[in-house]
Every structure is written in structure tokens, then in C-alpha cells.
Amino acid sequence: MVRRTALTFVSMAAQKGAPKAPDKDTSTVQSITRAAQVLDAVAEHSVSGAGLATLVAATGLNRATCHRILKSLVETGLVDQDPETTHYFPGIKLVEIAATASNRYGLARQSQDGRARIAERTADTVFLTLRVGREAVCVARTEGSFPIKTLTLNVGDTRPLGVGAGSLAILAFLDAAERDALLDEGASAFARYGASAEGLAEDAAKAKTLGYALDDGRIIPGITGIGVPLRGGRGDVVAALSVAAISSRLAGTRRTNVVTWLLEEAGRLEEDLAPIL
């Protein structure tokens, strides 16, 4: 009798237009959509970071909701928060996701033949590096036949933009204002690799003049890297191809040859990727 009365009451309330309980699926989708909005807003401020007020304004969410979402994103590694400025930045977890996504959009797969050709010609190690915010992530590596391997990066390894030949190739060919901002804000990150903003600024300027990036033992003494940028269909620098070898193997005429081969393969890859990037 009690069960019947309760059911009757619920039915009558619904007929009178009483509010229905929120659908679980709808609520979940709404939460995901809001989290995506916040991630997009954080990504838009990947260079300088964004404070809570900025993200609230960008997303249209109320302050409490935005802060709650950010807290969850920080806990999962999708967003980082600078302890000094409290600004939010894209997190390291996004780098891992981007490395996986690179295969979906063809970066690793499409570059496979080109990397193999370079590795065969040089006998040295070839890397594909992808830009993710302020970081560069190695998404593919092809080893050459030379006995001394220069495996300076594993797939999935990250470096601050500017550290290493591929990473420097990305940084050097960015818009000047964005490049300068990254250099200004990356001092502590660069220092962990024995580099400085001033030194990398010089390397970036040299790369712009030469048309390719050169890490001549700056990061690892005795190891030289050469990198060239890869641009998407809109002209944005999204990745880089690079070769690393013991320094004696990347000098003189041989360096010129390696640069030529890298630029040739980069040109082919840009044509293939233009429709999707």
C-alpha cells in the first residue's frame, strides 16, 4: 500500500510539471563538455599561462565550477598549475595523449618511409618531434646502421622547446613574439639541461639564418643534432625532423648533405599532412 501511494504521488507530480531528476548521461556529457572548454582555454594561454579569472571569462563558467574542473584536471595531469604564479598550463599528460594522437593524424606513420630513407643515407638516428604547448615530445625514432648509436631520446620523452635539435627547430621558426615569450618563461626548465634562454635565443637566431637548427654539443658534449621544422597546412610549425650523431659525423660537407636530405623529406611530409594539419 505504501509502495503504491508513493508511485501514485510521483506520477501525479510529473503530470503537474514538477522538475525531473537530471539524467545521468546528460550530466556526464555536460561535465565532459565543460572540461573540454576549460582545456581549450588553458591551451590558448600555453605560453604565459592563465589565471582563474581569465579562464572563467574565456569559458563563461562560474568561478566555483571552473575551479572545481581545474582541480580535477590538475589531479589527472592534464593541466599543471605554477605554484608561484598560480597560473594554469597544459599538463604533461597531454603530451602523452598528443604522442598517441600523432599516429592518428599520420605524423609518425606518414614520416616512416622518409625517416627510413634518411637513416639509410646517413646511417645515423632520425627523430620525429611534435610540439605540445611549451614542450617537444619525441613521437618516433629510426635507428641507422652506424655502430655508435646516438639514442638521445626515447619515444615519449619530452624536452622544453629549444632543448635539442628538433625542439630548437620548432622554437626557432615560431612567430617571433611567441618564441620570445617561450624563451623568457623557460629559464628554469632550460637550466635543467645545462642551457640558458640567452644561449638558445642565439641558437634560434642562427637557425633562422641557416634554415635549419644546429645543436653542436650544447646539450650533450660530443653529440651533434640537426633539425628542420615541419609546418601544417596553415603554415604553423607543428613538428620537426632531426638527425643526431657523434659530432665528427655531422661536420663539413656531410652536414650540408644531411641538411639537404632532411629538408627534402620535410617537404614531402608537409605536402602529405597539409590536408589534415
Protein backbone atom coordinates (compact mmCIF):
# COMPACT_ATOMS: atom_id res chain seq x y z
CA MET A 1 0.00 0.00 0.00
CA VAL A 2 2.81 2.39 0.86
CA ARG A 3 4.64 1.47 -2.39
CA ARG A 4 1.51 2.17 -4.45
CA THR A 5 0.91 5.52 -2.78
CA ALA A 6 4.49 6.65 -3.41
CA LEU A 7 4.32 5.70 -7.08
CA THR A 8 1.00 7.46 -7.44
CA PHE A 9 2.46 10.61 -5.88
CA VAL A 10 5.45 10.63 -8.26
CA SER A 11 3.13 10.13 -11.23
CA MET A 12 0.87 12.99 -10.17
CA ALA A 13 3.85 15.30 -9.59
CA ALA A 14 5.21 14.59 -13.06
CA GLN A 15 1.84 15.33 -14.61
CA LYS A 16 1.76 18.70 -12.83
CA GLY A 17 5.11 19.67 -14.35
CA ALA A 18 7.34 19.01 -11.35
CA PRO A 19 11.05 19.10 -12.29
CA LYS A 20 12.52 15.76 -13.31
CA ALA A 21 15.71 14.37 -11.81
CA PRO A 22 18.70 15.13 -14.05
CA ASP A 23 19.59 12.36 -16.46
CA LYS A 24 22.95 10.79 -15.55
CA ASP A 25 24.14 10.57 -19.14
CA THR A 26 23.22 14.19 -19.80
CA SER A 27 25.06 15.32 -16.68
CA THR A 28 28.17 13.33 -17.65
CA VAL A 29 28.23 14.75 -21.16
CA GLN A 30 27.82 18.26 -19.76
CA SER A 31 30.76 17.71 -17.40
CA ILE A 32 32.96 16.45 -20.23
CA THR A 33 31.96 19.39 -22.42
CA ARG A 34 32.82 21.85 -19.66
CA ALA A 35 36.16 20.17 -19.00
CA ALA A 36 36.94 20.38 -22.73
CA GLN A 37 36.08 24.08 -22.67
CA VAL A 38 38.50 24.64 -19.82
CA LEU A 39 41.25 22.62 -21.53
CA ASP A 40 40.80 24.66 -24.71
CA ALA A 41 41.06 27.89 -22.72
CA VAL A 42 44.21 26.68 -20.94
CA ALA A 43 45.73 25.67 -24.28
CA GLU A 44 45.05 29.16 -25.67
CA HIS A 45 47.33 30.54 -22.96
CA SER A 46 50.01 27.84 -23.14
CA VAL A 47 52.87 30.34 -23.26
CA SER A 48 52.08 32.68 -20.36
CA GLY A 49 49.58 30.53 -18.50
CA ALA A 50 46.14 31.63 -17.42
CA GLY A 51 44.75 32.64 -14.05
CA LEU A 52 41.37 31.50 -12.80
CA ALA A 53 39.68 34.81 -13.66
CA THR A 54 40.93 34.59 -17.24
CA LEU A 55 39.62 31.05 -17.62
CA VAL A 56 36.27 31.96 -16.10
CA ALA A 57 35.91 34.78 -18.63
CA ALA A 58 37.02 32.56 -21.52
CA THR A 59 34.66 29.68 -20.74
CA GLY A 60 31.63 31.53 -19.38
CA LEU A 61 31.53 29.11 -16.43
CA ASN A 62 31.01 30.37 -12.92
CA ARG A 63 34.07 30.64 -10.73
CA ALA A 64 33.27 27.67 -8.49
CA THR A 65 32.58 25.32 -11.41
CA CYS A 66 35.69 26.40 -13.30
CA HIS A 67 37.87 25.98 -10.21
CA ARG A 68 36.43 22.53 -9.49
CA ILE A 69 37.13 21.39 -13.06
CA LEU A 70 40.66 22.79 -12.95
CA LYS A 71 41.35 20.98 -9.70
CA SER A 72 40.32 17.68 -11.30
CA LEU A 73 42.38 18.37 -14.42
CA VAL A 74 45.44 19.12 -12.30
CA GLU A 75 44.94 15.89 -10.33
CA THR A 76 44.84 13.87 -13.55
CA GLY A 77 47.90 15.58 -15.03
CA LEU A 78 46.01 17.17 -17.91
CA VAL A 79 46.73 20.64 -16.50
CA ASP A 80 49.67 21.97 -14.47
CA GLN A 81 49.49 24.86 -12.02
CA ASP A 82 52.53 27.02 -11.39
CA PRO A 83 52.97 27.17 -7.59
CA GLU A 84 54.33 30.73 -7.71
CA THR A 85 52.02 32.49 -10.17
CA THR A 86 49.07 30.04 -9.68
CA HIS A 87 48.62 30.18 -13.47
CA TYR A 88 47.45 27.08 -15.29
CA PHE A 89 49.32 25.42 -18.19
CA PRO A 90 48.76 22.34 -20.37
CA GLY A 91 49.90 19.30 -18.38
CA ILE A 92 52.35 16.54 -19.16
CA LYS A 93 49.52 14.03 -19.63
CA LEU A 94 48.50 15.96 -22.73
CA VAL A 95 51.96 15.25 -24.14
CA GLU A 96 51.32 11.52 -23.84
CA ILE A 97 47.91 11.90 -25.46
CA ALA A 98 49.40 14.04 -28.23
CA ALA A 99 52.01 11.35 -28.91
CA THR A 100 49.19 8.85 -29.42
CA ALA A 101 47.17 11.32 -31.49
CA SER A 102 50.16 11.90 -33.74
CA ASN A 103 49.72 8.38 -35.09
CA ARG A 104 46.01 9.00 -35.62
CA TYR A 105 46.76 12.03 -37.76
CA GLY A 106 49.60 10.35 -39.57
CA LEU A 107 52.70 12.13 -38.29
CA ALA A 108 54.55 9.04 -37.15
CA ARG A 109 53.11 6.77 -39.82
CA GLN A 110 53.49 9.22 -42.72
CA SER A 111 57.08 10.00 -41.79
CA GLN A 112 58.13 6.36 -41.54
CA ASP A 113 59.41 5.98 -45.11
CA GLY A 114 61.13 9.37 -45.06
CA ARG A 115 62.84 8.61 -41.77
CA ALA A 116 63.98 5.27 -43.16
CA ARG A 117 65.47 6.96 -46.22
CA ILE A 118 67.36 9.46 -44.08
CA ALA A 119 68.58 6.73 -41.73
CA GLU A 120 69.80 4.68 -44.71
CA ARG A 121 71.63 7.65 -46.24
CA THR A 122 73.22 8.85 -43.01
CA ALA A 123 73.44 5.57 -41.07
CA ASP A 124 72.54 7.70 -38.04
CA THR A 125 69.49 8.14 -35.80
CA VAL A 126 66.46 10.07 -37.07
CA PHE A 127 63.82 11.60 -34.81
CA LEU A 128 60.31 13.00 -35.28
CA THR A 129 59.47 15.59 -32.64
CA LEU A 130 56.00 17.04 -32.03
CA ARG A 131 55.17 20.34 -30.39
CA VAL A 132 52.74 20.23 -27.44
CA GLY A 133 52.38 23.63 -25.81
CA ARG A 134 55.73 24.61 -24.30
CA GLU A 135 57.12 21.10 -24.72
CA ALA A 136 58.50 18.98 -27.54
CA VAL A 137 57.79 15.24 -27.44
CA CYS A 138 59.62 12.55 -29.39
CA VAL A 139 56.92 10.58 -31.22
CA ALA A 140 59.09 8.40 -33.49
CA ARG A 141 62.70 7.28 -33.84
CA THR A 142 64.51 5.38 -36.60
CA GLU A 143 67.99 3.99 -35.98
CA GLY A 144 70.68 3.90 -38.65
CA SER A 145 73.31 1.23 -39.18
CA PHE A 146 76.32 3.09 -37.73
CA PRO A 147 77.70 1.08 -34.77
CA ILE A 148 77.77 4.03 -32.37
CA LYS A 149 74.12 4.82 -31.68
CA THR A 150 73.09 8.29 -30.54
CA LEU A 151 69.82 7.41 -28.85
CA THR A 152 69.45 10.77 -27.17
CA LEU A 153 65.65 10.49 -26.99
CA ASN A 154 63.22 7.65 -26.47
CA VAL A 155 59.73 7.76 -27.92
CA GLY A 156 57.60 9.64 -25.40
CA ASP A 157 60.48 11.70 -23.97
CA THR A 158 59.79 15.41 -23.57
CA ARG A 159 62.03 18.47 -23.62
CA PRO A 160 61.31 22.19 -23.24
CA LEU A 161 61.01 23.84 -26.63
CA GLY A 162 64.53 24.84 -27.66
CA VAL A 163 66.39 21.98 -26.00
CA GLY A 164 67.75 19.60 -28.63
CA ALA A 165 67.93 19.94 -32.41
CA GLY A 166 64.33 19.01 -33.25
CA SER A 167 62.94 21.02 -30.37
CA LEU A 168 65.11 24.00 -31.35
CA ALA A 169 63.90 23.74 -34.96
CA ILE A 170 60.32 24.13 -33.73
CA LEU A 171 61.13 27.06 -31.44
CA ALA A 172 63.29 28.92 -33.95
CA PHE A 173 60.64 29.05 -36.65
CA LEU A 174 57.72 30.13 -34.47
CA ASP A 175 56.28 33.63 -34.63
CA ALA A 176 58.85 35.99 -33.07
CA ALA A 177 56.58 37.15 -30.24
CA GLU A 178 55.67 33.60 -29.25
CA ARG A 179 59.29 32.47 -29.48
CA ASP A 180 60.48 35.33 -27.27
CA ALA A 181 57.77 34.65 -24.69
CA LEU A 182 58.74 30.98 -24.52
CA LEU A 183 62.39 31.90 -24.05
CA ASP A 184 61.58 34.44 -21.33
CA GLU A 185 59.49 31.98 -19.34
CA GLY A 186 61.60 28.85 -19.79
CA ALA A 187 64.73 29.77 -17.85
CA SER A 188 64.29 27.22 -15.06
CA ALA A 189 63.33 24.44 -17.48
CA PHE A 190 66.33 25.18 -19.72
CA ALA A 191 68.70 25.17 -16.75
CA ARG A 192 67.88 21.52 -16.03
CA TYR A 193 69.55 20.69 -19.34
CA GLY A 194 72.52 22.99 -18.88
CA ALA A 195 71.08 25.55 -21.30
CA SER A 196 70.02 29.17 -20.92
CA ALA A 197 67.46 31.42 -22.55
CA GLU A 198 70.24 33.65 -23.88
CA GLY A 199 72.14 30.77 -25.46
CA LEU A 200 69.02 29.28 -27.00
CA ALA A 201 67.99 32.68 -28.34
CA GLU A 202 71.34 32.85 -30.15
CA ASP A 203 70.87 29.32 -31.50
CA ALA A 204 67.35 30.16 -32.66
CA ALA A 205 68.53 33.29 -34.46
CA LYS A 206 71.27 31.28 -36.16
CA ALA A 207 68.74 28.64 -37.20
CA LYS A 208 66.54 31.27 -38.83
CA THR A 209 69.54 32.42 -40.86
CA LEU A 210 70.73 28.94 -41.83
CA GLY A 211 67.30 27.45 -42.46
CA TYR A 212 67.92 24.61 -40.00
CA ALA A 213 68.64 24.16 -36.29
CA LEU A 214 72.02 23.03 -35.03
CA ASP A 215 72.76 21.65 -31.57
CA ASP A 216 76.53 21.29 -31.77
CA GLY A 217 77.20 19.57 -28.47
CA ARG A 218 75.33 22.16 -26.39
CA ILE A 219 73.09 19.61 -24.66
CA ILE A 220 75.32 16.51 -24.82
CA PRO A 221 79.04 17.15 -25.43
CA GLY A 222 80.32 15.20 -28.42
CA ILE A 223 76.84 14.74 -29.89
CA THR A 224 75.55 16.99 -32.68
CA GLY A 225 71.97 17.27 -33.85
CA ILE A 226 70.47 18.91 -36.93
CA GLY A 227 66.76 19.66 -37.15
CA VAL A 228 64.32 21.15 -39.64
CA PRO A 229 60.76 22.33 -38.96
CA LEU A 230 57.56 20.73 -40.22
CA ARG A 231 54.62 23.03 -40.95
CA GLY A 232 50.93 22.24 -41.10
CA GLY A 233 48.54 23.36 -43.81
CA ARG A 234 48.16 26.82 -42.25
CA GLY A 235 51.90 27.37 -42.09
CA ASP A 236 52.16 26.76 -38.33
CA VAL A 237 55.23 24.88 -37.10
CA VAL A 238 53.88 21.68 -35.57
CA ALA A 239 56.84 19.28 -35.52
CA ALA A 240 60.42 18.69 -36.64
CA LEU A 241 62.64 16.08 -38.25
CA SER A 242 66.16 15.73 -36.91
CA VAL A 243 69.31 13.63 -37.09
CA ALA A 244 71.73 13.05 -34.21
CA ALA A 245 75.24 11.61 -34.45
CA ILE A 246 78.68 11.87 -32.89
CA SER A 247 79.93 15.34 -33.77
CA SER A 248 82.62 14.23 -36.21
CA ARG A 249 79.92 12.74 -38.44
CA LEU A 250 77.97 15.98 -38.81
CA ALA A 251 80.66 18.39 -39.94
CA GLY A 252 81.71 19.92 -43.25
CA THR A 253 80.23 18.59 -46.48
CA ARG A 254 78.45 15.78 -44.70
CA ARG A 255 76.49 18.28 -42.62
CA THR A 256 75.38 20.01 -45.83
CA ASN A 257 74.20 16.69 -47.25
CA VAL A 258 72.26 15.77 -44.12
CA VAL A 259 70.51 19.17 -44.10
CA THR A 260 69.54 18.67 -47.75
CA TRP A 261 68.08 15.22 -47.07
CA LEU A 262 66.14 16.47 -44.05
CA LEU A 263 64.67 19.38 -45.99
CA GLU A 264 63.68 17.10 -48.87
CA GLU A 265 61.81 14.70 -46.58
CA ALA A 266 60.25 17.56 -44.61
CA GLY A 267 58.89 18.99 -47.86
CA ARG A 268 57.35 15.65 -48.82
CA LEU A 269 55.83 15.18 -45.40
CA GLU A 270 54.34 18.68 -45.33
CA GLU A 271 52.56 18.00 -48.64
CA ASP A 272 51.11 14.77 -47.26
CA LEU A 273 49.97 16.34 -44.00
CA ALA A 274 48.67 19.68 -45.32
CA PRO A 275 45.05 18.46 -45.69
CA ILE A 276 44.81 17.29 -42.07
CA LEU A 277 47.02 19.71 -40.09
